[in-house]
Structures are given as C-alpha cells and as structure tokens.
Amino acid sequence: MLKKFDKRVNKERYSISKRDYIKDQNYLSILQDKYCFRLNNLGFKLERGEKGTKIKNLSLGQLKGITRHYERLANKSKKNIESEHLKIINMLKFSKKKAFSDSIILNGESYHILLKYLDLYTKEIQNQVIYQNFFNDLDDYIFNYKELEKEYNYSQKVIDNLEEDCEKLEQNNNNLIDFIKNILEMLKEFFRRILLSKNEVDKNKTVNILKECYEKELYNSYDLIDISKDTDKEIEVNDFIKEETLEKEYDYFD
C-alpha cells in the first residue's frame, strides 16, 4: 500500500501499488490464468488465449466494428434478395402458362434471374447460420462483460472502503504513537527520580527497563543520557550505550 493523491476526493489516500504487486509480464500472465479459472468456476464463460501465440483478444471497439460489418453484410444481402424477388414476381406476371398443365414457360433471361435468386437465397441461409452463431457469442460476451462490470464496481467499492479503513487505522495508529510518546516523556522524570534515590533494587530494575526501552527504540541514547545524568548509574548506562552502538556499527559493516 502507498499514499497517492486521489482527484476524486481531492486528498491523499492509500492505494495498491501495481508495480510492487505485479513483478513482470510472466507473473501477470499467471494472475490472469488464476482470475479466468476462478471466474469460470463461478459460472462465467471467460476464454484465455493460447500461450506462445501472437493472437490477441479483440478490444471492445474492434468487436463493435466487426458487429457493424456483419450488420452491413446482412442488410446488403437482404436488399439483393428483395430486389431479385421483385424481379421474379414481375417476371411471373408476364410468363406464359403451358396449356392444360400447371407448367410455366420461362425465357432464358427469366431462368437466369430465378437461378440467381436461388443462389442468393442459399448463401443467405448459410450466412444466417454464421451470423446467428456470432450473435449468440456476442450475447454471451455482453452478458459476461456486464457481470464483470458489476463485479468490478463492487470490488472498487470494497477497495474504496478498505482505503478509508486504512486511513482511519493510520490515524488511530498515529494517535496511539503520540499517546505512547507522551507517556514515555512523562516516565523519564519518574525514572530519573528512582535513579537519584537510595533504593538499589529499584535503581537496578529501572536501568534494566531503560536498556529494554533502548533496544526497542522507545528511547534513544540522548534520552538515556538525560535520565541517568549525575546519578550513580550514569557510567553503567553510558557503557551500555557505547556497547550497543558498536554492535550496531559492526552489524552494519558485516
């Protein structure tokens, strides 16, 4: 988590760092595989591309472009069929019927018009199957897209709530740190009075407490020096500080 300025609320908020979470392209691919697998287990119909190929999923704009292309083809085919159908109707009106039978005599031109119409109609039936499959897939895609959009919006709300909770937690944590610092500041005078007293048992206990506070970084060396100054434990405390400083320097260079 890192602080980031959010223009929506005009203030800094905690957000997830993508660069820290997603290490590289391979790691992103693994996350996408898991995302697809888990959503499909929940009833969605997501498909992942084949790894190692350069085939990419269509963007929403490309999908809309293909949809419009199929719509144009369908409208063009429909107009051609209607035009040829009208020609056949007009042709039949002026065709001669063979006497004493249901047969109709067609001239060469009419015969070719009829063949063209049948050819167009056959192709259109085949195209309708393709169009229907495409639009069925498109309906599934739209449904899944809307469901994913709902999930995304819900997730975004959860993230916003988590960020707000994080801000409150940080504020509470800062308040607690300030409270502890105030207590430690008040205790400095209390510890000093004990070290100035004549009770050796209490003084030894206090020195041990000061050492522990130093190791836990609740007090620094200046705090310990101020507390023990002009007391009979001053030398012991100063020696402790020197030893700890040397150990830290040794660990740093090691």
Foldseek 3Di string as FASTA:
>chain_A
DDWDQDPVVRGIWDDDDPCVVQPDPVSVVVVVVVVVVVVVVVPADDDDDDPPDPDDDDDPVVLVVVVVVLVVVLVVLVVVLVVLVVVLVVQVVPWDADPPDRDTDHDPVSVVSVVVNVVSVVVSVVSVVVVVVSVVVVVSVVVNVVVVVVVVVVVVVVRVVVRVVVVVVVVVVVVVLVVLLVVVVVCLVVLLVQLQDPDPVSVVVSLVVVLVCCVVVVDDLVSQCVSCPPGPCNVVSVVSNVVVVVVVVVVVVD
